Amino acid sequence: MAKKKNRNDKVWMIPEGEQRDNASFHFVHPKTLNQIRNGVKLRMRKYHPGKREHVWFKEAKMPPHSK
């Protein structure tokens, strides 16, 4: 049986030009293993419900968990 690998493949996507601390909208998107190995930064265009238009989203670090 293969072991389950614990890899950090999820990233926060926030609108470009905004900081992680005060982002108006964000979503979580998974990275593929190939993107993780090659160090690719994600950048995608998606709908922003607050602005009601499509904007560019960039990859940001996940926030620390609070216990």
N, C-alpha and C. Protein backbone atom coordinates (compact mmCIF):
# COMPACT_ATOMS: atom_id res chain seq x y z
N MET A 1 0.84 -1.16 0.00
CA MET A 1 0.00 0.00 0.00
C MET A 1 0.89 1.24 0.00
N ALA A 2 0.55 2.19 -0.81
CA ALA A 2 1.33 3.43 -0.90
C ALA A 2 1.02 4.34 0.28
N LYS A 3 2.06 5.06 0.72
CA LYS A 3 1.86 6.00 1.81
C LYS A 3 1.22 7.27 1.31
N LYS A 4 0.39 7.86 2.14
CA LYS A 4 -0.23 9.12 1.79
C LYS A 4 0.77 10.24 2.05
N LYS A 5 1.02 11.06 1.05
CA LYS A 5 1.99 12.14 1.18
C LYS A 5 1.29 13.39 1.70
N ASN A 6 1.92 14.03 2.65
CA ASN A 6 1.39 15.27 3.20
C ASN A 6 2.15 16.43 2.58
N ARG A 7 1.60 16.99 1.52
CA ARG A 7 2.26 18.12 0.87
C ARG A 7 1.35 19.34 0.93
N ASN A 8 1.98 20.46 0.95
CA ASN A 8 1.27 21.71 1.06
C ASN A 8 0.94 22.21 -0.34
N ASP A 9 -0.19 21.76 -0.89
CA ASP A 9 -0.49 22.08 -2.28
C ASP A 9 -1.59 23.12 -2.44
N LYS A 10 -2.10 23.69 -1.36
CA LYS A 10 -3.16 24.68 -1.48
C LYS A 10 -2.59 26.08 -1.26
N VAL A 11 -3.06 27.02 -2.05
CA VAL A 11 -2.61 28.41 -1.94
C VAL A 11 -3.82 29.33 -1.91
N TRP A 12 -3.64 30.46 -1.28
CA TRP A 12 -4.66 31.51 -1.26
C TRP A 12 -4.52 32.30 -2.53
N MET A 13 -5.62 32.63 -3.16
CA MET A 13 -5.62 33.49 -4.34
C MET A 13 -6.31 34.79 -3.94
N ILE A 14 -5.59 35.91 -4.08
CA ILE A 14 -6.13 37.23 -3.73
C ILE A 14 -6.02 38.14 -4.94
N PRO A 15 -6.86 39.17 -5.03
CA PRO A 15 -6.77 40.09 -6.18
C PRO A 15 -5.42 40.80 -6.22
N GLU A 16 -4.91 41.02 -7.43
CA GLU A 16 -3.64 41.72 -7.58
C GLU A 16 -3.77 43.15 -7.06
N GLY A 17 -2.74 43.63 -6.43
CA GLY A 17 -2.74 44.97 -5.90
C GLY A 17 -3.26 45.06 -4.48
N GLU A 18 -3.68 43.94 -3.89
CA GLU A 18 -4.17 43.93 -2.52
C GLU A 18 -3.23 43.11 -1.65
N GLN A 19 -3.19 43.44 -0.38
CA GLN A 19 -2.37 42.70 0.58
C GLN A 19 -3.17 41.53 1.14
N ARG A 20 -2.46 40.54 1.63
CA ARG A 20 -3.11 39.35 2.18
C ARG A 20 -3.93 39.67 3.41
N ASP A 21 -3.49 40.63 4.23
CA ASP A 21 -4.17 40.95 5.47
C ASP A 21 -5.54 41.59 5.26
N ASN A 22 -5.67 42.42 4.24
CA ASN A 22 -6.93 43.12 4.04
C ASN A 22 -7.51 42.87 2.64
N ALA A 23 -7.42 41.64 2.16
CA ALA A 23 -7.98 41.30 0.86
C ALA A 23 -9.51 41.31 0.94
N SER A 24 -10.13 41.92 -0.06
CA SER A 24 -11.59 42.03 -0.05
C SER A 24 -12.26 40.69 -0.37
N PHE A 25 -11.59 39.84 -1.12
CA PHE A 25 -12.15 38.54 -1.52
C PHE A 25 -10.98 37.60 -1.77
N HIS A 26 -11.12 36.34 -1.40
CA HIS A 26 -10.08 35.35 -1.66
C HIS A 26 -10.73 34.00 -1.88
N PHE A 27 -9.97 33.07 -2.45
CA PHE A 27 -10.39 31.68 -2.57
C PHE A 27 -9.15 30.81 -2.51
N VAL A 28 -9.35 29.54 -2.25
CA VAL A 28 -8.25 28.57 -2.14
C VAL A 28 -8.21 27.75 -3.42
N HIS A 29 -7.02 27.57 -3.97
CA HIS A 29 -6.86 26.81 -5.20
C HIS A 29 -5.71 25.83 -5.02
N PRO A 30 -5.85 24.57 -5.46
CA PRO A 30 -4.75 23.60 -5.32
C PRO A 30 -3.71 23.77 -6.43
N LYS A 31 -2.47 23.43 -6.12
CA LYS A 31 -1.39 23.40 -7.10
C LYS A 31 -1.11 21.94 -7.45
N THR A 32 -0.73 21.70 -8.68
CA THR A 32 -0.36 20.35 -9.08
C THR A 32 1.06 20.07 -8.59
N LEU A 33 1.43 18.82 -8.56
CA LEU A 33 2.77 18.44 -8.11
C LEU A 33 3.83 19.01 -9.04
N ASN A 34 3.54 19.07 -10.33
CA ASN A 34 4.49 19.63 -11.29
C ASN A 34 4.70 21.12 -11.04
N GLN A 35 3.65 21.86 -10.70
CA GLN A 35 3.79 23.28 -10.39
C GLN A 35 4.58 23.49 -9.11
N ILE A 36 4.42 22.62 -8.13
CA ILE A 36 5.16 22.73 -6.88
C ILE A 36 6.64 22.47 -7.12
N ARG A 37 6.97 21.44 -7.89
CA ARG A 37 8.37 21.09 -8.17
C ARG A 37 9.08 22.18 -8.96
N ASN A 38 8.38 22.80 -9.90
CA ASN A 38 9.01 23.82 -10.75
C ASN A 38 8.94 25.22 -10.15
N GLY A 39 8.26 25.39 -9.03
CA GLY A 39 8.18 26.69 -8.37
C GLY A 39 7.36 27.72 -9.12
N VAL A 40 6.30 27.27 -9.77
CA VAL A 40 5.44 28.16 -10.55
C VAL A 40 4.52 28.94 -9.63
N LYS A 41 4.44 30.27 -9.83
CA LYS A 41 3.49 31.10 -9.10
C LYS A 41 2.21 31.18 -9.92
N LEU A 42 1.07 30.91 -9.28
CA LEU A 42 -0.20 30.94 -10.00
C LEU A 42 -0.69 32.37 -10.18
N ARG A 43 -1.31 32.60 -11.32
CA ARG A 43 -1.95 33.87 -11.63
C ARG A 43 -3.10 33.55 -12.57
N MET A 44 -4.32 33.91 -12.16
CA MET A 44 -5.47 33.58 -12.98
C MET A 44 -6.51 34.69 -12.93
N ARG A 45 -7.34 34.72 -13.92
CA ARG A 45 -8.38 35.73 -14.04
C ARG A 45 -9.70 35.08 -13.67
N LYS A 46 -10.35 35.63 -12.63
CA LYS A 46 -11.63 35.09 -12.17
C LYS A 46 -12.57 36.23 -11.83
N TYR A 47 -13.82 35.88 -11.62
CA TYR A 47 -14.85 36.85 -11.29
C TYR A 47 -14.74 37.27 -9.83
N HIS A 48 -14.77 38.58 -9.59
CA HIS A 48 -14.73 39.14 -8.24
C HIS A 48 -16.14 39.62 -7.92
N PRO A 49 -16.85 38.95 -7.00
CA PRO A 49 -18.25 39.32 -6.73
C PRO A 49 -18.41 40.70 -6.11
N GLY A 50 -17.42 41.19 -5.38
CA GLY A 50 -17.51 42.52 -4.78
C GLY A 50 -17.44 43.63 -5.81
N LYS A 51 -16.58 43.45 -6.81
CA LYS A 51 -16.42 44.45 -7.87
C LYS A 51 -17.33 44.19 -9.06
N ARG A 52 -17.89 42.99 -9.11
CA ARG A 52 -18.76 42.55 -10.20
C ARG A 52 -18.07 42.63 -11.56
N GLU A 53 -16.83 42.18 -11.60
CA GLU A 53 -16.07 42.10 -12.84
C GLU A 53 -14.97 41.06 -12.70
N HIS A 54 -14.38 40.70 -13.82
CA HIS A 54 -13.27 39.76 -13.80
C HIS A 54 -11.97 40.51 -13.51
N VAL A 55 -11.19 40.00 -12.58
CA VAL A 55 -9.91 40.62 -12.22
C VAL A 55 -8.85 39.53 -12.13
N TRP A 56 -7.58 39.94 -12.13
CA TRP A 56 -6.46 39.00 -11.99
C TRP A 56 -6.26 38.68 -10.52
N PHE A 57 -6.10 37.41 -10.23
CA PHE A 57 -5.79 36.95 -8.88
C PHE A 57 -4.39 36.38 -8.88
N LYS A 58 -3.65 36.61 -7.78
CA LYS A 58 -2.29 36.09 -7.66
C LYS A 58 -2.20 35.19 -6.43
N GLU A 59 -1.18 34.38 -6.42
CA GLU A 59 -0.96 33.44 -5.33
C GLU A 59 -0.40 34.16 -4.10
N ALA A 60 -0.91 33.79 -2.93
CA ALA A 60 -0.40 34.33 -1.67
C ALA A 60 -0.25 33.17 -0.68
N LYS A 61 0.52 33.40 0.36
CA LYS A 61 0.71 32.38 1.39
C LYS A 61 -0.56 32.17 2.17
N MET A 62 -0.82 30.94 2.58
CA MET A 62 -1.97 30.64 3.43
C MET A 62 -1.74 31.29 4.80
N PRO A 63 -2.80 31.78 5.43
CA PRO A 63 -2.64 32.38 6.76
C PRO A 63 -2.36 31.31 7.81
N PRO A 64 -1.76 31.68 8.93
CA PRO A 64 -1.51 30.70 9.98
C PRO A 64 -2.83 30.27 10.62
N HIS A 65 -2.88 29.04 11.06
CA HIS A 65 -4.08 28.53 11.71
C HIS A 65 -4.12 28.98 13.16
N SER A 66 -5.29 29.31 13.61
CA SER A 66 -5.46 29.66 15.02
C SER A 66 -6.12 28.50 15.74
N LYS A 67 -5.56 28.09 16.84
CA LYS A 67 -6.08 26.92 17.57
C LYS A 67 -6.85 27.34 18.77
